[in-house]
Amino acid sequence: MTVKVSVDSKNCISCGACITICPDVFELNDENKSIVKKQPETAEEVECARQSEAACPVRVIYVEED
């Protein structure tokens, strides 16, 4: 199973939950908005990306199966 992770950075509120949960996949850009650092490659990274999606208070993280 391959997944694609994306972030609607424009609407990100910079809470940092995604980075705390999944620092290998997410990082903050120069505007302190979440971005995808790299697409998940392992089952653990996919799981933490899904946890980040669920934890995002403004629901701007999307984990979709390819």
Protein backbone atom coordinates (compact mmCIF):
# COMPACT_ATOMS: atom_id res chain seq x y z
CA MET A 1 0.00 0.00 0.00
CA THR A 2 1.32 3.40 -0.99
CA VAL A 3 0.03 6.57 0.58
CA LYS A 4 0.40 10.21 -0.32
CA VAL A 5 0.50 12.82 2.43
CA SER A 6 -0.33 16.46 1.81
CA VAL A 7 -0.89 19.55 3.92
CA ASP A 8 -3.03 22.59 3.19
CA SER A 9 -0.31 24.87 4.57
CA LYS A 10 -2.31 28.00 3.84
CA ASN A 11 -4.85 27.04 6.50
CA CYS A 12 -2.38 25.54 8.98
CA ILE A 13 -2.48 27.22 12.42
CA SER A 14 1.08 26.17 13.36
CA CYS A 15 0.08 24.12 16.41
CA GLY A 16 2.96 21.67 15.80
CA ALA A 17 1.03 18.51 16.70
CA CYS A 18 1.99 16.80 13.43
CA ILE A 19 5.67 17.46 13.98
CA THR A 20 5.51 16.21 17.55
CA ILE A 21 3.77 13.02 16.42
CA CYS A 22 5.63 12.42 13.16
CA PRO A 23 8.84 14.46 12.80
CA ASP A 24 10.19 12.25 10.00
CA VAL A 25 7.30 13.23 7.70
CA PHE A 26 6.42 16.82 8.72
CA GLU A 27 8.33 20.03 9.36
CA LEU A 28 7.60 23.74 9.63
CA ASN A 29 8.48 26.05 6.76
CA ASP A 30 9.82 29.60 7.05
CA GLU A 31 6.30 30.87 7.79
CA ASN A 32 5.85 28.33 10.64
CA LYS A 33 3.33 26.38 8.58
CA SER A 34 3.41 22.60 8.41
CA ILE A 35 4.70 21.01 5.21
CA VAL A 36 5.52 17.47 4.16
CA LYS A 37 9.24 16.89 4.62
CA LYS A 38 9.09 13.50 2.89
CA GLN A 39 6.47 10.96 1.92
CA PRO A 40 6.17 8.04 4.35
CA GLU A 41 8.19 4.99 3.33
CA THR A 42 7.60 2.57 6.19
CA ALA A 43 4.51 1.24 7.96
CA GLU A 44 5.54 3.21 11.04
CA GLU A 45 5.74 6.45 9.08
CA VAL A 46 2.35 5.79 7.49
CA GLU A 47 0.85 5.16 10.92
CA CYS A 48 2.31 8.32 12.46
CA ALA A 49 1.14 10.34 9.42
CA ARG A 50 -2.38 8.99 9.99
CA GLN A 51 -2.12 9.90 13.69
CA SER A 52 -1.07 13.40 12.69
CA GLU A 53 -4.03 13.65 10.33
CA ALA A 54 -6.38 12.68 13.18
CA ALA A 55 -4.72 15.05 15.66
CA CYS A 56 -4.75 18.13 13.43
CA PRO A 57 -7.21 20.58 15.03
CA VAL A 58 -8.03 22.28 11.72
CA ARG A 59 -7.98 19.12 9.57
CA VAL A 60 -5.49 20.31 6.97
CA ILE A 61 -3.46 17.07 6.79
CA TYR A 62 -4.53 14.49 4.24
CA VAL A 63 -3.30 10.90 4.05
CA GLU A 64 -4.62 9.24 0.90
CA GLU A 65 -4.00 5.80 -0.54
CA ASP A 66 -2.55 5.73 -4.04
